[in-house]
C-alpha atoms as a PDB file:
ATOM      1  CA  MET A   1     -65.549  -2.020  -9.659  1.00  0.00           C
ATOM      2  CA  ASP A   2     -63.932  -5.268  -8.596  1.00  0.00           C
ATOM      3  CA  LEU A   3     -62.161  -5.505 -11.954  1.00  0.00           C
ATOM      4  CA  ILE A   4     -60.870  -1.923 -11.660  1.00  0.00           C
ATOM      5  CA  GLU A   5     -59.625  -2.559  -8.117  1.00  0.00           C
ATOM      6  CA  ASP A   6     -57.901  -5.760  -9.274  1.00  0.00           C
ATOM      7  CA  LEU A   7     -56.207  -3.889 -12.117  1.00  0.00           C
ATOM      8  CA  GLU A   8     -55.078  -1.104  -9.773  1.00  0.00           C
ATOM      9  CA  ALA A   9     -53.671  -3.650  -7.343  1.00  0.00           C
ATOM     10  CA  PHE A  10     -51.913  -5.441 -10.180  1.00  0.00           C
ATOM     11  CA  GLN A  11     -50.455  -2.142 -11.465  1.00  0.00           C
ATOM     12  CA  TYR A  12     -49.195  -1.257  -7.980  1.00  0.00           C
ATOM     13  CA  GLU A  13     -47.537  -4.660  -7.659  1.00  0.00           C
ATOM     14  CA  ILE A  14     -45.861  -4.275 -11.059  1.00  0.00           C
ATOM     15  CA  GLU A  15     -44.577  -0.793 -10.158  1.00  0.00           C
ATOM     16  CA  THR A  16     -43.230  -2.092  -6.852  1.00  0.00           C
ATOM     17  CA  GLN A  17     -41.420  -4.928  -8.604  1.00  0.00           C
ATOM     18  CA  ASN A  18     -39.984  -2.519 -11.185  1.00  0.00           C
ATOM     19  CA  GLU A  19     -38.656  -0.273  -8.430  1.00  0.00           C
ATOM     20  CA  GLN A  20     -37.041  -3.253  -6.718  1.00  0.00           C
ATOM     21  CA  LEU A  21     -35.460  -4.283 -10.017  1.00  0.00           C
ATOM     22  CA  ARG A  22     -34.097  -0.760 -10.561  1.00  0.00           C
ATOM     23  CA  GLN A  23     -32.583  -0.743  -7.079  1.00  0.00           C
ATOM     24  CA  SER A  24     -31.032  -4.172  -7.623  1.00  0.00           C
ATOM     25  CA  GLN A  25     -29.595  -3.039 -10.947  1.00  0.00           C
ATOM     26  CA  ALA A  26     -28.096   0.072  -9.353  1.00  0.00           C
ATOM     27  CA  GLU A  27     -26.516  -2.057  -6.609  1.00  0.00           C
ATOM     28  CA  LEU A  28     -25.049  -4.436  -9.199  1.00  0.00           C
ATOM     29  CA  VAL A  29     -23.569  -1.536 -11.167  1.00  0.00           C
ATOM     30  CA  ALA A  30     -22.048  -0.066  -7.994  1.00  0.00           C
ATOM     31  CA  ALA A  31     -20.585  -3.453  -7.021  1.00  0.00           C
ATOM     32  CA  LYS A  32     -19.175  -3.908 -10.535  1.00  0.00           C
ATOM     33  CA  ASP A  33     -17.542  -0.465 -10.418  1.00  0.00           C
ATOM     34  CA  LYS A  34     -16.058  -1.189  -7.004  1.00  0.00           C
ATOM     35  CA  TYR A  35     -14.480  -4.485  -8.029  1.00  0.00           C
ATOM     36  CA  LEU A  36     -13.289  -2.989 -11.299  1.00  0.00           C
ATOM     37  CA  ASP A  37     -11.449  -0.342  -9.255  1.00  0.00           C
ATOM     38  CA  LEU A  38      -9.881  -3.062  -7.112  1.00  0.00           C
ATOM     39  CA  PHE A  39      -8.825  -5.005 -10.234  1.00  0.00           C
ATOM     40  CA  GLU A  40      -7.287  -1.971 -11.917  1.00  0.00           C
ATOM     41  CA  LEU A  41      -5.430  -0.738  -8.823  1.00  0.00           C
ATOM     42  CA  ALA A  42      -4.286  -4.052  -7.375  1.00  0.00           C
ATOM     43  CA  PRO A  43      -0.565  -4.074  -6.478  1.00  0.00           C
ATOM     44  CA  MET A  44       0.025  -7.082  -8.728  1.00  0.00           C
ATOM     45  CA  GLY A  45      -0.212  -7.312 -12.498  1.00  0.00           C
ATOM     46  CA  PHE A  46      -3.220  -9.196 -13.859  1.00  0.00           C
ATOM     47  CA  ILE A  47      -2.949 -10.370 -17.468  1.00  0.00           C
ATOM     48  CA  SER A  48      -5.265 -12.509 -19.623  1.00  0.00           C
ATOM     49  CA  LEU A  49      -3.764 -14.369 -22.579  1.00  0.00           C
ATOM     50  CA  GLU A  50      -5.118 -16.091 -25.665  1.00  0.00           C
ATOM     51  CA  LEU A  51      -3.951 -19.647 -26.261  1.00  0.00           C
ATOM     52  CA  ASN A  52      -1.163 -18.351 -28.515  1.00  0.00           C
ATOM     53  CA  GLY A  53       0.163 -16.085 -25.751  1.00  0.00           C
ATOM     54  CA  ALA A  54      -1.350 -12.842 -27.110  1.00  0.00           C
ATOM     55  CA  ILE A  55      -2.451 -10.389 -24.422  1.00  0.00           C
ATOM     56  CA  SER A  56      -6.238  -9.910 -24.376  1.00  0.00           C
ATOM     57  CA  GLU A  57      -6.602  -7.972 -21.104  1.00  0.00           C
ATOM     58  CA  VAL A  58      -4.243  -6.295 -18.635  1.00  0.00           C
ATOM     59  CA  ASN A  59      -4.714  -4.042 -15.620  1.00  0.00           C
ATOM     60  CA  LEU A  60      -2.858  -0.785 -14.967  1.00  0.00           C
ATOM     61  CA  THR A  61      -0.192  -2.427 -12.802  1.00  0.00           C
ATOM     62  CA  GLY A  62       0.453  -5.106 -15.415  1.00  0.00           C
ATOM     63  CA  ALA A  63       0.831  -2.492 -18.143  1.00  0.00           C
ATOM     64  CA  ALA A  64       3.330  -0.594 -15.983  1.00  0.00           C
ATOM     65  CA  MET A  65       5.321  -3.789 -15.434  1.00  0.00           C
ATOM     66  CA  LEU A  66       5.483  -4.388 -19.198  1.00  0.00           C
ATOM     67  CA  GLY A  67       6.506  -0.789 -19.842  1.00  0.00           C
ATOM     68  CA  ARG A  68       3.785   0.155 -22.355  1.00  0.00           C
ATOM     69  CA  GLU A  69       0.417   1.860 -22.400  1.00  0.00           C
ATOM     70  CA  ARG A  70      -2.379  -0.659 -22.107  1.00  0.00           C
ATOM     71  CA  ARG A  71      -3.841   0.126 -25.544  1.00  0.00           C
ATOM     72  CA  HIS A  72      -0.504  -0.808 -27.106  1.00  0.00           C
ATOM     73  CA  LEU A  73      -0.401  -4.215 -25.395  1.00  0.00           C
ATOM     74  CA  ILE A  74      -3.629  -5.831 -26.616  1.00  0.00           C
ATOM     75  CA  GLY A  75      -2.752  -8.521 -29.166  1.00  0.00           C
ATOM     76  CA  VAL A  76       0.957  -8.423 -28.350  1.00  0.00           C
ATOM     77  CA  SER A  77       2.615 -11.718 -27.398  1.00  0.00           C
ATOM     78  CA  ILE A  78       3.716 -12.020 -23.776  1.00  0.00           C
ATOM     79  CA  PHE A  79       6.826 -13.753 -25.060  1.00  0.00           C
ATOM     80  CA  GLN A  80       8.065 -10.436 -26.461  1.00  0.00           C
ATOM     81  CA  PHE A  81       8.810  -9.486 -22.854  1.00  0.00           C
ATOM     82  CA  THR A  82      10.918 -12.546 -22.041  1.00  0.00           C
ATOM     83  CA  ALA A  83      14.135 -13.945 -23.444  1.00  0.00           C
ATOM     84  CA  ASN A  84      16.401 -16.959 -23.343  1.00  0.00           C
ATOM     85  CA  GLU A  85      15.715 -19.197 -20.328  1.00  0.00           C
ATOM     86  CA  GLY A  86      12.841 -17.016 -19.131  1.00  0.00           C
ATOM     87  CA  LEU A  87      10.937 -17.617 -22.364  1.00  0.00           C
ATOM     88  CA  LEU A  88      11.289 -21.382 -21.986  1.00  0.00           C
ATOM     89  CA  VAL A  89      10.261 -21.295 -18.311  1.00  0.00           C
ATOM     90  CA  LEU A  90       7.127 -19.265 -19.011  1.00  0.00           C
ATOM     91  CA  HIS A  91       6.213 -21.362 -22.059  1.00  0.00           C
ATOM     92  CA  ASP A  92       6.558 -24.621 -20.110  1.00  0.00           C
ATOM     93  CA  CYS A  93       4.522 -23.231 -17.198  1.00  0.00           C
ATOM     94  CA  LEU A  94       1.696 -22.164 -19.529  1.00  0.00           C
ATOM     95  CA  LYS A  95       1.727 -25.513 -21.300  1.00  0.00           C
ATOM     96  CA  SER A  96       1.685 -27.448 -18.014  1.00  0.00           C
ATOM     97  CA  THR A  97      -1.224 -25.372 -16.718  1.00  0.00           C
ATOM     98  CA  GLY A  98      -3.195 -25.931 -19.923  1.00  0.00           C
ATOM     99  CA  ASN A  99      -2.585 -29.687 -19.869  1.00  0.00           C
ATOM    100  CA  THR A 100      -3.628 -30.187 -16.235  1.00  0.00           C
ATOM    101  CA  GLY A 101      -6.050 -27.322 -15.540  1.00  0.00           C
ATOM    102  CA  LYS A 102      -4.238 -26.774 -12.240  1.00  0.00           C
ATOM    103  CA  LYS A 103      -2.683 -23.527 -11.061  1.00  0.00           C
ATOM    104  CA  ARG A 104       1.069 -23.333 -11.611  1.00  0.00           C
ATOM    105  CA  GLY A 105       3.700 -20.880 -10.449  1.00  0.00           C
ATOM    106  CA  CYS A 106       7.138 -20.021 -11.779  1.00  0.00           C
ATOM    107  CA  GLU A 107       9.796 -17.312 -11.803  1.00  0.00           C
ATOM    108  CA  PHE A 108      11.164 -15.754 -14.978  1.00  0.00           C
ATOM    109  CA  GLU A 109      13.037 -12.661 -16.083  1.00  0.00           C
ATOM    110  CA  LEU A 110      10.729  -9.972 -17.442  1.00  0.00           C
ATOM    111  CA  ARG A 111      12.189  -7.562 -19.974  1.00  0.00           C
ATOM    112  CA  PRO A 112       9.876  -4.530 -20.216  1.00  0.00           C
ATOM    113  CA  SER A 113       9.864  -2.177 -23.199  1.00  0.00           C
ATOM    114  CA  HIS A 114      11.454   0.461 -20.962  1.00  0.00           C
ATOM    115  CA  GLY A 115      13.539  -0.150 -17.870  1.00  0.00           C
ATOM    116  CA  VAL A 116      15.820  -2.865 -16.584  1.00  0.00           C
ATOM    117  CA  PRO A 117      14.989  -6.611 -16.552  1.00  0.00           C
ATOM    118  CA  ARG A 118      13.310  -7.837 -13.364  1.00  0.00           C
ATOM    119  CA  LEU A 119      12.725 -11.254 -11.850  1.00  0.00           C
ATOM    120  CA  MET A 120       8.984 -11.919 -11.593  1.00  0.00           C
ATOM    121  CA  HIS A 121       6.911 -14.516  -9.780  1.00  0.00           C
ATOM    122  CA  VAL A 122       3.812 -15.474 -11.766  1.00  0.00           C
ATOM    123  CA  GLU A 123       0.806 -17.618 -10.855  1.00  0.00           C
ATOM    124  CA  ILE A 124      -1.064 -19.049 -13.862  1.00  0.00           C
ATOM    125  CA  MET A 125      -4.563 -20.492 -14.200  1.00  0.00           C
ATOM    126  CA  ALA A 126      -6.226 -21.878 -17.350  1.00  0.00           C
ATOM    127  CA  PRO A 127     -10.053 -21.774 -17.632  1.00  0.00           C
ATOM    128  CA  LEU A 128     -11.316 -24.996 -19.255  1.00  0.00           C
ATOM    129  CA  ASP A 129     -14.248 -25.564 -21.593  1.00  0.00           C
ATOM    130  CA  GLN A 130     -16.754 -28.424 -21.337  1.00  0.00           C
ATOM    131  CA  TRP A 131     -14.262 -30.772 -22.986  1.00  0.00           C
ATOM    132  CA  LYS A 132     -11.571 -29.871 -20.410  1.00  0.00           C
ATOM    133  CA  ARG A 133      -9.568 -27.906 -22.952  1.00  0.00           C
ATOM    134  CA  PRO A 134      -7.981 -24.563 -22.028  1.00  0.00           C
ATOM    135  CA  THR A 135      -9.680 -21.455 -23.441  1.00  0.00           C
ATOM    136  CA  GLY A 136      -6.890 -19.085 -22.446  1.00  0.00           C
ATOM    137  CA  TYR A 137      -4.649 -18.178 -19.524  1.00  0.00           C
ATOM    138  CA  ARG A 138      -4.888 -15.844 -16.548  1.00  0.00           C
ATOM    139  CA  LEU A 139      -1.680 -14.545 -14.986  1.00  0.00           C
ATOM    140  CA  ALA A 140      -1.008 -12.755 -11.705  1.00  0.00           C
ATOM    141  CA  MET A 141       2.511 -11.264 -11.539  1.00  0.00           C
ATOM    142  CA  LEU A 142       4.571  -9.847  -8.698  1.00  0.00           C
ATOM    143  CA  GLU A 143       8.155  -8.666  -8.716  1.00  0.00           C
ATOM    144  CA  VAL A 144      10.568 -10.675  -6.587  1.00  0.00           C
ATOM    145  CA  PRO A 145      12.580  -7.923  -4.844  1.00  0.00           C
ATOM    146  CA  GLU A 146      16.311  -7.666  -4.156  1.00  0.00           C
ATOM    147  CA  CYS A 147      17.206 -10.896  -5.932  1.00  0.00           C
ATOM    148  CA  LYS A 148      20.718 -12.227  -5.538  1.00  0.00           C
ATOM    149  CA  LYS A 149      22.708 -14.086  -8.149  1.00  0.00           C
ATOM    150  CA  SER A 150      23.112 -17.210  -6.069  1.00  0.00           C
ATOM    151  CA  TYR A 151      20.445 -19.847  -6.589  1.00  0.00           C
ATOM    152  CA  ALA A 152      20.128 -20.493  -2.845  1.00  0.00           C
ATOM    153  CA  GLU A 153      19.301 -16.851  -2.112  1.00  0.00           C
ATOM    154  CA  VAL A 154      16.745 -16.644  -4.913  1.00  0.00           C
ATOM    155  CA  THR A 155      15.058 -19.825  -3.689  1.00  0.00           C
ATOM    156  CA  LYS A 156      14.913 -18.553  -0.115  1.00  0.00           C
ATOM    157  CA  ARG A 157      13.365 -15.227  -1.071  1.00  0.00           C
ATOM    158  CA  THR A 158      10.871 -16.891  -3.405  1.00  0.00           C
ATOM    159  CA  GLU A 159       9.615 -19.103  -0.566  1.00  0.00           C
ATOM    160  CA  GLN A 160       9.309 -16.055   1.695  1.00  0.00           C
ATOM    161  CA  TYR A 161       7.373 -14.249  -0.974  1.00  0.00           C
ATOM    162  CA  ARG A 162       4.947 -17.127  -1.469  1.00  0.00           C
ATOM    163  CA  ALA A 163       4.377 -17.331   2.276  1.00  0.00           C
ATOM    164  CA  LEU A 164       3.702 -13.587   2.340  1.00  0.00           C
ATOM    165  CA  LEU A 165       1.068 -13.909  -0.389  1.00  0.00           C
ATOM    166  CA  LYS A 166      -0.725 -16.636   1.560  1.00  0.00           C
ATOM    167  CA  THR A 167      -0.896 -14.692   4.822  1.00  0.00           C
ATOM    168  CA  ILE A 168      -1.502 -11.075   3.795  1.00  0.00           C
ATOM    169  CA  THR A 169      -4.859  -9.753   2.679  1.00  0.00           C
ATOM    170  CA  PRO A 170      -4.874  -6.202   1.288  1.00  0.00           C
ATOM    171  CA  TRP A 171      -6.330  -3.466   3.496  1.00  0.00           C
ATOM    172  CA  PHE A 172      -9.235  -1.883   1.600  1.00  0.00           C
ATOM    173  CA  TRP A 173     -10.249   1.672   2.450  1.00  0.00           C
ATOM    174  CA  GLU A 174     -12.571   4.491   1.405  1.00  0.00           C
ATOM    175  CA  VAL A 175     -12.279   8.159   2.401  1.00  0.00           C
ATOM    176  CA  ASP A 176     -14.404  11.271   1.875  1.00  0.00           C
ATOM    177  CA  GLN A 177     -13.312  14.602   0.399  1.00  0.00           C
ATOM    178  CA  ASP A 178     -11.535  15.525   3.633  1.00  0.00           C
ATOM    179  CA  GLY A 179      -9.608  12.266   3.737  1.00  0.00           C
ATOM    180  CA  ARG A 180     -11.660  10.858   6.640  1.00  0.00           C
ATOM    181  CA  CYS A 181     -12.080   7.104   6.613  1.00  0.00           C
ATOM    182  CA  LEU A 182     -15.619   5.979   5.811  1.00  0.00           C
ATOM    183  CA  HIS A 183     -14.750   2.306   5.617  1.00  0.00           C
ATOM    184  CA  VAL A 184     -11.700   0.132   6.352  1.00  0.00           C
ATOM    185  CA  SER A 185     -11.427  -3.640   6.113  1.00  0.00           C
ATOM    186  CA  ASN A 186     -10.449  -5.877   9.012  1.00  0.00           C
ATOM    187  CA  SER A 187      -6.942  -6.251   7.561  1.00  0.00           C
ATOM    188  CA  VAL A 188      -6.011  -2.880   9.080  1.00  0.00           C
ATOM    189  CA  LYS A 189      -5.390  -4.781  12.303  1.00  0.00           C
ATOM    190  CA  TYR A 190      -2.583  -6.739  10.642  1.00  0.00           C
ATOM    191  CA  PHE A 191      -1.027  -3.665   9.053  1.00  0.00           C
ATOM    192  CA  LEU A 192      -1.240  -1.153  11.905  1.00  0.00           C
ATOM    193  CA  GLY A 193      -2.599  -2.994  14.952  1.00  0.00           C
ATOM    194  CA  TYR A 194      -5.873  -1.017  15.102  1.00  0.00           C
ATOM    195  CA  GLU A 195      -9.413  -2.327  15.043  1.00  0.00           C
ATOM    196  CA  PRO A 196     -11.460  -0.956  12.105  1.00  0.00           C
ATOM    197  CA  GLU A 197     -13.709   1.072  14.421  1.00  0.00           C
ATOM    198  CA  GLU A 198     -10.649   2.889  15.788  1.00  0.00           C
ATOM    199  CA  ILE A 199      -9.807   4.118  12.284  1.00  0.00           C
ATOM    200  CA  VAL A 200     -13.229   5.146  10.963  1.00  0.00           C
ATOM    201  CA  GLY A 201     -13.648   8.912  11.327  1.00  0.00           C
ATOM    202  CA  LYS A 202      -9.914   9.576  11.388  1.00  0.00           C
ATOM    203  CA  THR A 203      -7.922  10.715   8.383  1.00  0.00           C
ATOM    204  CA  LEU A 204      -5.188   8.550   6.945  1.00  0.00           C
ATOM    205  CA  PHE A 205      -2.836  11.432   7.701  1.00  0.00           C
ATOM    206  CA  ASP A 206      -3.557  11.049  11.439  1.00  0.00           C
ATOM    207  CA  LEU A 207      -1.717   7.716  11.168  1.00  0.00           C
ATOM    208  CA  MET A 208       1.492   9.217   9.741  1.00  0.00           C
ATOM    209  CA  PRO A 209       4.444  11.177  11.101  1.00  0.00           C
ATOM    210  CA  PRO A 210       3.723  14.945  10.670  1.00  0.00           C
ATOM    211  CA  SER A 211       6.171  15.505   7.813  1.00  0.00           C
ATOM    212  CA  GLU A 212       4.852  12.480   5.913  1.00  0.00           C
ATOM    213  CA  ALA A 213       1.267  13.598   6.527  1.00  0.00           C
ATOM    214  CA  ASP A 214       2.025  16.981   4.922  1.00  0.00           C
ATOM    215  CA  ARG A 215       3.553  15.304   1.868  1.00  0.00           C
ATOM    216  CA  VAL A 216       0.846  12.690   1.325  1.00  0.00           C
ATOM    217  CA  SER A 217      -2.115  14.994   2.049  1.00  0.00           C
ATOM    218  CA  THR A 218      -0.964  17.217  -0.811  1.00  0.00           C
ATOM    219  CA  LEU A 219      -0.887  14.221  -3.180  1.00  0.00           C
ATOM    220  CA  PHE A 220      -4.351  13.100  -2.053  1.00  0.00           C
ATOM    221  CA  ARG A 221      -5.775  16.583  -2.543  1.00  0.00           C
ATOM    222  CA  THR A 222      -4.296  16.770  -6.041  1.00  0.00           C
ATOM    223  CA  ALA A 223      -5.839  13.390  -6.911  1.00  0.00           C
ATOM    224  CA  LEU A 224      -9.234  14.557  -5.615  1.00  0.00           C
ATOM    225  CA  ASP A 225      -9.145  17.899  -7.416  1.00  0.00           C
ATOM    226  CA  ASN A 226      -8.044  16.367 -10.721  1.00  0.00           C
ATOM    227  CA  GLN A 227     -10.096  13.156 -10.355  1.00  0.00           C
ATOM    228  CA  GLU A 228      -6.946  11.115 -10.911  1.00  0.00           C
ATOM    229  CA  PRO A 229      -5.928   7.709  -9.517  1.00  0.00           C
ATOM    230  CA  ILE A 230      -3.128   7.224  -7.000  1.00  0.00           C
ATOM    231  CA  LEU A 231      -0.755   4.510  -8.156  1.00  0.00           C
ATOM    232  CA  ARG A 232       1.898   2.669  -6.119  1.00  0.00           C
ATOM    233  CA  LEU A 233       2.315   5.471  -3.582  1.00  0.00           C
ATOM    234  CA  GLU A 234       4.690   4.469  -0.790  1.00  0.00           C
ATOM    235  CA  SER A 235       4.130   6.194   2.552  1.00  0.00           C
ATOM    236  CA  ILE A 236       5.289   5.870   6.156  1.00  0.00           C
ATOM    237  CA  TYR A 237       2.617   4.921   8.701  1.00  0.00           C
ATOM    238  CA  LEU A 238       2.720   4.520  12.469  1.00  0.00           C
ATOM    239  CA  ARG A 239       1.547   1.272  14.013  1.00  0.00           C
ATOM    240  CA  LYS A 240      -0.443   1.408  17.237  1.00  0.00           C
ATOM    241  CA  GLY A 241       2.702   0.741  19.232  1.00  0.00           C
ATOM    242  CA  GLY A 242       4.585   3.562  17.509  1.00  0.00           C
ATOM    243  CA  GLU A 243       6.671   1.498  15.080  1.00  0.00           C
ATOM    244  CA  ARG A 244       7.052   2.859  11.559  1.00  0.00           C
ATOM    245  CA  VAL A 245       6.068   0.785   8.554  1.00  0.00           C
ATOM    246  CA  VAL A 246       6.123   1.506   4.820  1.00  0.00           C
ATOM    247  CA  LEU A 247       2.883   0.750   2.958  1.00  0.00           C
ATOM    248  CA  GLU A 248       2.084   0.973  -0.733  1.00  0.00           C
ATOM    249  CA  THR A 249      -1.347   2.222  -1.775  1.00  0.00           C
ATOM    250  CA  ASN A 250      -3.390   2.410  -4.947  1.00  0.00           C
ATOM    251  CA  GLY A 251      -6.598   4.442  -5.060  1.00  0.00           C
ATOM    252  CA  ALA A 252      -9.255   5.669  -7.471  1.00  0.00           C
ATOM    253  CA  PRO A 253     -11.612   8.667  -7.273  1.00  0.00           C
ATOM    254  CA  VAL A 254     -15.228   8.001  -6.286  1.00  0.00           C
ATOM    255  CA  ILE A 255     -17.538   9.933  -8.633  1.00  0.00           C
ATOM    256  CA  ASP A 256     -21.194  10.622  -7.776  1.00  0.00           C
ATOM    257  CA  GLY A 257     -24.124  10.858 -10.185  1.00  0.00           C
ATOM    258  CA  GLN A 258     -23.365  14.521 -10.951  1.00  0.00           C
ATOM    259  CA  GLY A 259     -19.784  13.777 -11.977  1.00  0.00           C
ATOM    260  CA  LYS A 260     -18.361  15.218  -8.741  1.00  0.00           C
ATOM    261  CA  CYS A 261     -15.457  13.559  -6.951  1.00  0.00           C
ATOM    262  CA  VAL A 262     -16.678  12.775  -3.432  1.00  0.00           C
ATOM    263  CA  GLY A 263     -13.718  10.765  -2.145  1.00  0.00           C
ATOM    264  CA  LEU A 264     -11.195   8.045  -2.887  1.00  0.00           C
ATOM    265  CA  ARG A 265     -11.336   4.254  -2.665  1.00  0.00           C
ATOM    266  CA  GLY A 266      -8.476   1.785  -2.801  1.00  0.00           C
ATOM    267  CA  MET A 267      -6.213  -0.654  -1.005  1.00  0.00           C
ATOM    268  CA  PHE A 268      -2.985  -0.791   0.957  1.00  0.00           C
ATOM    269  CA  ASN A 269      -0.440  -3.532   0.642  1.00  0.00           C
ATOM    270  CA  LEU A 270       2.582  -4.223   2.785  1.00  0.00           C
ATOM    271  CA  ARG A 271       5.785  -3.715   0.823  1.00  0.00           C
ATOM    272  CA  PRO A 272       7.430  -7.138   0.305  1.00  0.00           C
ATOM    273  CA  PHE A 273      10.089  -7.839   2.930  1.00  0.00           C
ATOM    274  CA  ASN A 274       9.133  -4.532   4.519  1.00  0.00           C
ATOM    275  CA  ARG A 275      11.637  -3.164   6.984  1.00  0.00           C
ATOM    276  CA  GLN A 276      10.960  -0.497   9.549  1.00  0.00           C
ATOM    277  CA  SER A 277      11.683   2.945   8.227  1.00  0.00           C
ATOM    278  CA  SER A 278      14.739   4.706   9.552  1.00  0.00           C
ATOM    279  CA  PHE A 279      13.236   8.123   8.844  1.00  0.00           C
END
């Protein structure tokens, strides 16, 4: 009997450990999906390069910046999207990063497959192997807005942009099928002046002027019904003091185990050099 009881106790312990492992695995999968959503819908372009400059990975925003579908970018050289001085600037920045292993930043003119050339600010990192040699490059790109031809103006705006990147953390959010906030990050206080607990339970549309709420609620409902992402949607929001501010949001549908869309999850970012709306 003692042997049988020992075996039963051992079996119970094994089953308990298996259940804990299954729960941990499910949590890891959920966390992976969440951060994958944040990577794909980030307001900046993320691009991974091989040592020869060929694109090995790119998020949705990066693909939009380059003007091609993502599947048509893998293996394509990043230098196809630069020209003249911009090509030399980007090449030198990549080389410097690879030689030192330190993050470098530069500005260059991006020439997408479709659309007009744009001045971009890019931050570059180079992962190193055990012999301190670069294994590739990781790029984070943002457009430098409203650039002027004069060097002094470009320099001024670039410094403002870098300062903005250091001080602003995106506002992450999650809403249910009715658009009610289930979770908001602490950054909402910077964007709108509210504490997170003042936002939870409200809809995002409660924070907009009525006409803007009507417009955006329709877009959110369409995204929910069609299980589609929301990309680079600019909307007018009201700060706690009543001032109007333009925010850009990216969001992805949240799908449950039965394949049903139960809400949206994403992030807000302040538009660079945001000015109060005159609407």
